[in-house]
Protein backbone atom coordinates (compact mmCIF):
# COMPACT_ATOMS: atom_id res chain seq x y z
CA MET A 1 -17.81 -46.11 31.37
CA THR A 2 -19.49 -45.08 34.63
CA SER A 3 -22.82 -43.41 34.97
CA ASN A 4 -20.87 -40.28 36.16
CA ASP A 5 -19.04 -40.19 32.84
CA ILE A 6 -22.18 -40.54 30.85
CA THR A 7 -23.82 -37.66 32.84
CA LYS A 8 -20.78 -35.36 32.24
CA GLY A 9 -20.91 -36.23 28.51
CA ILE A 10 -24.63 -35.32 28.29
CA LEU A 11 -24.09 -32.11 30.23
CA LYS A 12 -21.17 -31.27 27.96
CA ALA A 13 -23.17 -31.93 24.85
CA ILE A 14 -26.04 -29.82 26.22
CA PHE A 15 -23.56 -27.06 27.00
CA TYR A 16 -22.20 -27.12 23.46
CA VAL A 17 -25.76 -27.13 21.92
CA ILE A 18 -26.76 -24.08 24.09
CA GLY A 19 -23.55 -22.34 23.29
CA ALA A 20 -23.89 -22.82 19.55
CA SER A 21 -27.54 -21.75 19.63
CA LEU A 22 -26.67 -18.49 21.56
CA LEU A 23 -23.83 -17.86 19.13
CA LEU A 24 -26.25 -18.30 16.09
CA LEU A 25 -28.84 -16.04 17.79
CA PHE A 26 -26.18 -13.44 18.47
CA LEU A 27 -24.94 -13.51 14.81
CA PHE A 28 -28.64 -13.30 13.61
CA LYS A 29 -29.14 -10.20 15.79
CA ILE A 30 -26.04 -8.40 14.45
CA GLN A 31 -26.44 -9.60 10.89
CA THR A 32 -26.59 -5.91 9.71
CA ILE A 33 -23.16 -5.17 11.24
CA ILE A 34 -21.78 -8.43 9.68
CA VAL A 35 -22.99 -7.19 6.29
CA TYR A 36 -21.33 -3.77 6.92
CA ILE A 37 -18.11 -5.51 7.76
CA LEU A 38 -18.22 -7.80 4.66
CA VAL A 39 -19.00 -4.86 2.27
CA ALA A 40 -16.19 -2.84 3.98
CA ALA A 41 -13.85 -5.83 3.56
CA THR A 42 -14.75 -6.04 -0.14
CA ILE A 43 -14.08 -2.39 -0.60
CA SER A 44 -10.75 -2.60 1.15
CA LEU A 45 -9.81 -5.47 -1.23
CA ILE A 46 -10.71 -3.25 -4.18
CA GLY A 47 -8.93 -0.24 -2.78
CA LEU A 48 -5.79 -2.08 -1.55
CA PRO A 49 -4.08 -1.90 -4.97
CA ILE A 50 -4.73 1.90 -5.11
CA VAL A 51 -3.39 2.33 -1.66
CA ASN A 52 -0.21 0.19 -2.46
CA PHE A 53 0.34 2.41 -5.56
CA LEU A 54 0.04 5.65 -3.69
CA ASN A 55 2.34 4.21 -1.04
CA LYS A 56 5.08 2.66 -3.11
CA LYS A 57 5.01 4.77 -6.31
CA LEU A 58 4.07 8.15 -5.11
CA LYS A 59 5.41 7.83 -1.56
CA PHE A 60 2.30 9.02 0.15
CA ASN A 61 1.95 8.10 3.87
CA ASP A 62 -0.62 5.51 4.86
CA THR A 63 -3.29 7.83 6.21
CA LEU A 64 -3.11 10.12 3.13
CA ALA A 65 -3.14 7.27 0.73
CA VAL A 66 -6.26 5.62 2.41
CA ILE A 67 -8.07 8.99 2.51
CA LEU A 68 -7.46 9.60 -1.23
CA THR A 69 -8.54 6.05 -2.07
CA ILE A 70 -11.78 6.44 -0.14
CA VAL A 71 -12.40 9.88 -1.64
CA ALA A 72 -11.84 8.42 -5.11
CA LEU A 73 -14.16 5.51 -4.47
CA MET A 74 -16.84 7.83 -2.87
CA GLY A 75 -16.51 10.14 -5.88
CA LEU A 76 -17.02 7.32 -8.22
CA LEU A 77 -20.10 6.16 -6.26
CA THR A 78 -21.47 9.82 -6.32
CA CYS A 79 -20.99 10.06 -10.09
CA LEU A 80 -22.77 6.78 -10.66
CA VAL A 81 -25.71 7.74 -8.42
CA SER A 82 -25.89 11.16 -10.16
CA LEU A 83 -26.08 9.39 -13.47
CA PHE A 84 -29.30 7.59 -12.38
CA ILE A 85 -31.08 10.87 -11.56
CA PRO A 86 -31.75 11.89 -15.16
CA LEU A 87 -33.02 8.40 -15.91
CA VAL A 88 -35.42 8.50 -13.04
CA ILE A 89 -36.67 11.92 -13.96
CA GLU A 90 -37.08 11.14 -17.58
CA GLN A 91 -38.74 7.82 -16.99
CA SER A 92 -41.10 9.60 -14.52
CA HIS A 93 -42.11 11.96 -17.38
CA ASN A 94 -42.00 9.51 -20.33
CA LEU A 95 -43.62 6.59 -18.62
CA SER A 96 -45.41 8.59 -15.87
CA LEU A 97 -44.07 6.67 -12.92
CA LEU A 98 -46.26 8.89 -10.79
CA ASN A 99 -49.15 9.07 -13.08
CA ILE A 100 -50.62 5.51 -13.31
CA THR A 101 -53.26 6.35 -15.96
CA GLU A 102 -50.71 7.82 -18.34
CA LEU A 103 -48.24 5.05 -17.64
CA GLN A 104 -50.92 2.32 -18.46
CA THR A 105 -51.99 4.26 -21.57
CA SER A 106 -48.32 4.33 -22.87
CA MET A 107 -47.86 0.65 -22.22
CA GLU A 108 -51.19 -0.20 -23.89
CA SER A 109 -50.13 1.83 -26.79
CA LEU A 110 -46.93 -0.14 -27.18
CA ASN A 111 -48.91 -3.28 -26.72
CA GLN A 112 -51.33 -2.34 -29.57
CA LYS A 113 -48.45 -1.57 -31.90
CA ILE A 114 -46.92 -4.98 -31.29
CA ILE A 115 -50.33 -6.58 -31.93
CA SER A 116 -50.79 -4.65 -35.13
CA TYR A 117 -47.43 -5.64 -36.41
CA LEU A 118 -47.93 -9.30 -35.57
CA SER A 119 -51.40 -9.20 -37.28
CA ASN A 120 -49.79 -8.40 -40.55
CA LYS A 121 -47.39 -11.29 -40.20
CA ASP A 122 -49.39 -14.02 -38.38
CA ILE A 123 -52.98 -13.74 -37.22
CA ASP A 124 -52.76 -16.74 -34.87
CA LEU A 125 -49.60 -15.32 -33.32
CA ALA A 126 -51.28 -11.88 -32.86
CA GLN A 127 -54.29 -13.47 -31.10
CA SER A 128 -51.98 -15.48 -28.82
CA PHE A 129 -50.01 -12.47 -27.87
CA THR A 130 -53.32 -10.48 -27.23
CA LYS A 131 -54.50 -13.14 -24.83
CA ASN A 132 -51.12 -13.61 -22.97
CA SER A 133 -49.95 -9.99 -23.06
CA ILE A 134 -47.87 -9.18 -20.04
CA PHE A 135 -48.97 -5.46 -20.18
CA SER A 136 -52.59 -6.37 -19.26
CA LYS A 137 -51.34 -8.26 -16.18
CA ILE A 138 -49.14 -5.64 -14.79
CA ASP A 139 -50.25 -3.97 -11.50
CA TYR A 140 -49.01 -0.36 -12.24
CA SER A 141 -49.87 0.74 -8.63
CA VAL A 142 -46.84 -0.99 -7.34
CA ILE A 143 -44.49 1.53 -9.08
CA PRO A 144 -45.10 4.63 -6.93
CA ASN A 145 -45.13 2.34 -3.91
CA PHE A 146 -41.71 1.15 -4.97
CA LEU A 147 -40.43 4.76 -5.38
CA ASN A 148 -41.82 5.68 -1.94
CA SER A 149 -39.98 2.74 -0.38
CA ILE A 150 -36.70 3.89 -2.07
CA ILE A 151 -37.14 7.35 -0.70
CA SER A 152 -37.94 6.05 2.87
CA GLY A 153 -34.81 3.97 2.67
CA PHE A 154 -32.50 6.91 2.14
CA GLY A 155 -32.15 7.37 5.96
CA SER A 156 -31.03 3.70 6.49
CA PHE A 157 -28.70 4.04 3.48
CA SER A 158 -26.98 7.08 5.06
CA ILE A 159 -26.25 5.17 8.17
CA ALA A 160 -25.02 2.10 6.26
CA LEU A 161 -22.81 4.31 4.03
CA PHE A 162 -21.26 6.08 7.02
CA SER A 163 -20.59 2.76 8.76
CA ILE A 164 -19.14 1.06 5.80
CA VAL A 165 -16.82 4.02 4.98
CA PHE A 166 -15.71 4.26 8.69
CA ILE A 167 -14.93 0.43 8.70
CA SER A 168 -13.26 0.59 5.32
CA PHE A 169 -10.92 3.37 6.37
CA PHE A 170 -9.42 1.33 9.19
CA LEU A 171 -9.30 -1.91 7.14
CA LEU A 172 -7.28 -0.01 4.52
CA LYS A 173 -5.09 1.83 6.93
CA ASP A 174 -4.24 -1.32 8.83
CA SER A 175 -4.44 -4.25 6.56
CA LYS A 176 -3.70 -6.64 9.30
CA LEU A 177 -6.65 -5.46 11.38
CA LEU A 178 -9.10 -8.03 10.12
CA GLN A 179 -6.40 -10.70 10.33
CA HIS A 180 -5.72 -9.83 13.98
CA GLY A 181 -9.49 -10.24 14.64
CA VAL A 182 -9.67 -13.70 13.08
CA LEU A 183 -6.46 -14.81 14.90
CA THR A 184 -8.11 -14.06 18.18
CA PHE A 185 -10.24 -17.22 17.71
CA VAL A 186 -7.46 -19.42 16.37
CA THR A 187 -5.42 -21.70 18.52
CA ASP A 188 -1.63 -21.11 18.74
CA ARG A 189 -0.65 -24.10 16.47
CA ASN A 190 -2.74 -22.80 13.72
CA VAL A 191 -1.76 -19.16 13.88
CA GLU A 192 0.99 -19.29 11.06
CA GLY A 193 -1.12 -21.49 8.76
CA THR A 194 -4.08 -18.99 9.22
CA LYS A 195 -1.86 -15.95 8.45
CA ARG A 196 -0.64 -17.55 5.26
CA SER A 197 -4.18 -18.49 4.26
CA MET A 198 -5.48 -14.98 4.78
CA ASN A 199 -2.61 -13.39 2.95
CA LYS A 200 -3.30 -15.62 -0.01
CA ILE A 201 -7.10 -15.08 0.16
CA LYS A 202 -6.54 -11.30 0.27
CA ASP A 203 -4.28 -11.47 -2.79
CA LEU A 204 -6.65 -13.68 -4.78
CA LEU A 205 -9.87 -11.77 -3.88
CA SER A 206 -8.25 -8.36 -4.46
CA ARG A 207 -7.33 -9.53 -8.02
CA TYR A 208 -10.84 -11.10 -8.41
CA PHE A 209 -12.68 -7.84 -7.42
CA VAL A 210 -10.35 -5.67 -9.64
CA GLY A 211 -11.05 -8.19 -12.50
CA LEU A 212 -14.85 -7.70 -11.97
CA ILE A 213 -14.39 -4.00 -12.27
CA LEU A 214 -12.56 -4.52 -15.49
CA GLN A 215 -15.28 -6.89 -16.66
CA ILE A 216 -18.06 -4.34 -15.84
CA THR A 217 -16.04 -1.60 -17.55
CA ILE A 218 -15.69 -3.61 -20.77
CA LEU A 219 -19.46 -4.39 -20.91
CA PHE A 220 -20.29 -0.78 -19.99
CA ILE A 221 -18.23 0.52 -22.89
CA ILE A 222 -19.76 -1.91 -25.47
CA TYR A 223 -23.40 -1.24 -24.23
CA THR A 224 -22.77 2.48 -24.30
CA ILE A 225 -21.47 2.48 -27.89
CA VAL A 226 -24.42 0.43 -29.04
CA LEU A 227 -27.03 2.62 -27.25
CA LEU A 228 -25.37 5.82 -28.53
CA ILE A 229 -25.30 4.59 -32.16
CA PHE A 230 -29.08 3.92 -32.12
CA GLY A 231 -29.99 6.92 -30.21
CA VAL A 232 -31.50 5.43 -27.06
CA HIS A 233 -32.12 7.87 -24.34
CA ASN A 234 -29.77 8.00 -21.33
CA PRO A 235 -27.34 5.43 -22.80
CA ILE A 236 -24.72 5.78 -20.12
CA VAL A 237 -27.07 5.04 -17.30
CA ILE A 238 -28.75 2.00 -19.02
CA ALA A 239 -25.34 0.61 -20.03
CA PHE A 240 -23.99 0.91 -16.52
CA LEU A 241 -27.11 -0.74 -15.02
CA CYS A 242 -27.09 -3.59 -17.41
CA ALA A 243 -23.28 -4.09 -17.02
CA LEU A 244 -23.67 -4.08 -13.21
CA LEU A 245 -26.47 -6.82 -13.42
CA ASN A 246 -23.91 -8.98 -15.09
CA LEU A 247 -22.45 -9.51 -11.63
CA ILE A 248 -25.23 -12.05 -11.04
CA PRO A 249 -24.04 -15.06 -13.08
CA TYR A 250 -26.48 -16.41 -15.71
CA ILE A 251 -29.58 -14.65 -14.40
CA GLY A 252 -28.16 -11.17 -14.57
CA PRO A 253 -27.60 -11.14 -18.38
CA VAL A 254 -31.24 -12.23 -18.83
CA ILE A 255 -32.46 -9.41 -16.66
CA SER A 256 -30.17 -7.05 -18.50
CA ALA A 257 -31.54 -8.11 -21.94
CA PHE A 258 -35.10 -7.66 -20.86
CA LEU A 259 -34.30 -4.23 -19.21
CA MET A 260 -32.29 -2.97 -22.26
CA THR A 261 -35.12 -4.16 -24.61
CA LEU A 262 -37.86 -2.39 -22.47
CA LEU A 263 -35.99 0.85 -22.11
CA THR A 264 -35.13 0.87 -25.80
CA MET A 265 -38.69 0.49 -26.76
CA THR A 266 -39.91 3.07 -24.33
CA SER A 267 -37.28 5.62 -25.66
CA PHE A 268 -39.18 5.53 -28.97
CA ILE A 269 -42.69 5.07 -27.57
CA GLY A 270 -44.25 7.68 -29.91
CA SER A 271 -42.65 6.34 -33.02
CA ASP A 272 -43.94 3.71 -35.53
CA PHE A 273 -43.36 0.21 -34.26
CA GLN A 274 -42.47 -1.60 -37.61
CA THR A 275 -40.06 1.10 -38.99
CA VAL A 276 -38.48 2.49 -35.77
CA ILE A 277 -39.11 0.59 -32.51
CA LEU A 278 -38.65 -2.99 -33.82
CA PRO A 279 -35.57 -2.36 -35.90
CA LYS A 280 -33.75 -0.38 -33.17
CA THR A 281 -34.66 -2.88 -30.57
CA ILE A 282 -33.26 -5.69 -32.67
CA TYR A 283 -30.03 -3.83 -33.39
CA VAL A 284 -29.57 -3.05 -29.66
CA LEU A 285 -30.08 -6.73 -28.86
CA ILE A 286 -27.46 -7.73 -31.40
CA GLY A 287 -25.02 -5.37 -29.73
CA PHE A 288 -26.01 -6.82 -26.40
CA ILE A 289 -25.27 -10.31 -27.65
CA ILE A 290 -21.92 -9.17 -28.91
CA GLY A 291 -21.09 -7.83 -25.54
CA GLN A 292 -22.07 -11.00 -23.87
CA PHE A 293 -19.92 -12.92 -26.34
CA VAL A 294 -16.93 -10.80 -25.47
CA ASP A 295 -17.63 -11.25 -21.76
CA ASN A 296 -18.21 -15.09 -21.89
CA PHE A 297 -15.29 -15.91 -24.08
CA ILE A 298 -12.72 -13.32 -23.35
CA SER A 299 -13.25 -11.41 -20.14
CA GLN A 300 -14.56 -14.09 -17.73
CA PRO A 301 -11.97 -16.85 -18.74
CA TYR A 302 -9.20 -14.32 -18.16
CA ILE A 303 -10.51 -13.13 -14.83
CA PHE A 304 -11.15 -16.62 -13.42
CA SER A 305 -7.73 -18.06 -14.63
CA LYS A 306 -5.68 -15.00 -13.41
CA SER A 307 -7.55 -14.35 -10.18
CA VAL A 308 -9.20 -17.35 -8.54
CA LYS A 309 -7.21 -19.85 -10.56
CA SER A 310 -10.17 -22.21 -11.31
CA HIS A 311 -11.26 -23.95 -14.48
CA PRO A 312 -14.36 -22.46 -16.13
CA LEU A 313 -16.25 -25.80 -15.76
CA GLU A 314 -15.42 -25.94 -12.10
CA ILE A 315 -16.64 -22.36 -11.67
CA PHE A 316 -19.87 -23.18 -13.58
CA LEU A 317 -20.67 -26.13 -11.28
CA VAL A 318 -19.95 -24.18 -8.14
CA ILE A 319 -22.13 -21.32 -9.22
CA MET A 320 -25.05 -23.63 -10.14
CA ILE A 321 -24.85 -25.47 -6.85
CA ALA A 322 -24.70 -22.20 -4.85
CA GLY A 323 -27.61 -20.78 -6.87
CA ILE A 324 -29.80 -23.87 -6.18
CA LEU A 325 -28.88 -23.81 -2.36
CA PHE A 326 -28.91 -19.97 -1.61
CA GLY A 327 -30.62 -18.28 -4.57
CA VAL A 328 -29.27 -15.12 -6.05
CA ILE A 329 -27.00 -14.37 -2.98
CA GLY A 330 -25.39 -17.63 -3.66
CA LEU A 331 -24.79 -16.88 -7.26
CA ILE A 332 -23.00 -13.64 -6.34
CA LEU A 333 -20.93 -15.02 -3.50
CA ALA A 334 -20.20 -18.45 -4.96
CA ILE A 335 -16.71 -17.64 -6.42
CA PRO A 336 -15.31 -15.56 -3.63
CA VAL A 337 -16.46 -18.16 -0.97
CA TYR A 338 -15.19 -21.07 -3.04
CA THR A 339 -11.84 -19.34 -3.40
CA VAL A 340 -11.66 -18.82 0.39
CA ILE A 341 -12.53 -22.55 0.97
CA LYS A 342 -9.88 -23.65 -1.55
CA VAL A 343 -7.06 -21.62 0.13
CA ILE A 344 -8.03 -22.85 3.66
CA LEU A 345 -8.23 -26.55 2.39
CA LYS A 346 -4.75 -26.24 0.76
CA GLU A 347 -3.23 -24.88 3.86
CA PHE A 348 -4.61 -27.30 6.39
CA LEU A 349 -5.46 -30.44 4.38
CA SER A 350 -2.62 -30.28 1.84
CA ASP A 351 -1.77 -34.00 2.14
CA ASN A 352 -5.30 -35.08 0.91
CA GLN A 353 -5.20 -36.13 -2.84
CA ILE A 354 -8.57 -34.63 -3.68
CA VAL A 355 -7.59 -31.29 -2.09
CA GLN A 356 -4.23 -31.36 -4.09
CA LYS A 357 -6.17 -31.72 -7.30
CA LEU A 358 -8.70 -29.03 -6.49
CA THR A 359 -6.14 -26.50 -5.36
CA LYS A 360 -3.54 -27.10 -8.06
CA GLY A 361 -2.14 -23.76 -9.19
CA ILE A 362 -3.04 -21.82 -6.12
């Protein structure tokens, strides 16, 4: 190897490093647009079965089918948002989200009721609770600041919503649009394999996201029934919020349990703790556990086996690893990304024994 060849190799390596750095910088700068595209792609996967139904069963043309699908999804989103308005209004009155003094008084009242109840059962436990009470450590001033940040974010939300709807329309109208964009960067010899992979990915992820909607719906129904039975205020909103949090594996149910407990207690803030607040909270938590039992042993195994075609233990390990590496975002995206990787590996490395075992059934 001559010095000229070494120089060319070094220059080539430097060129690749600079090119990769510029590409990463470009992707970082347009990360918002990438998020819009990913969300729109997800919506298109969810809406695709509806569009196909309108096309094949009701004989609607493509444009009309896509418009009706987007209108239906937007209507669903509007209904869900409108459900949260009564909860925000009621909580602003009951817990005084805009009145810090009254909010602190309400929470301290609940704190005293808990201490009084524990004092009758176990003095040491009551003293420990008094010293370590979370209510005394809460900075209530962050609540109005949080609300103000939500209000100020409505402008950005409007732009994001318009962008996502616009992109979703064309992805649904032309299901091959995203595929053509990806194929632009693929060499000719890999075009057919990439097409097969994308079609398989679209099919699996579409079933997966529809399965998630079914999962949320089942939990929503169970939670709503439980909250209605025990007279908790705004049961539909609380049930939907807790069901939606279930999308975050393992952490979501813990947050949901805490949220449901807190909102159940605050619904009966003026009642006796021992005879009303505690029994109702326990019963609601029992209903919550039943919902989780149904989800963990019936809903999730069915969704994973029918959509992503992966063993529950395999899914558990993937989610845990993704959570450790990337946090909450990793927990949410673990299964879809793992499914995409499995499809690509099967298409391009099908001769590998490890890949054959991992992708069996896809």
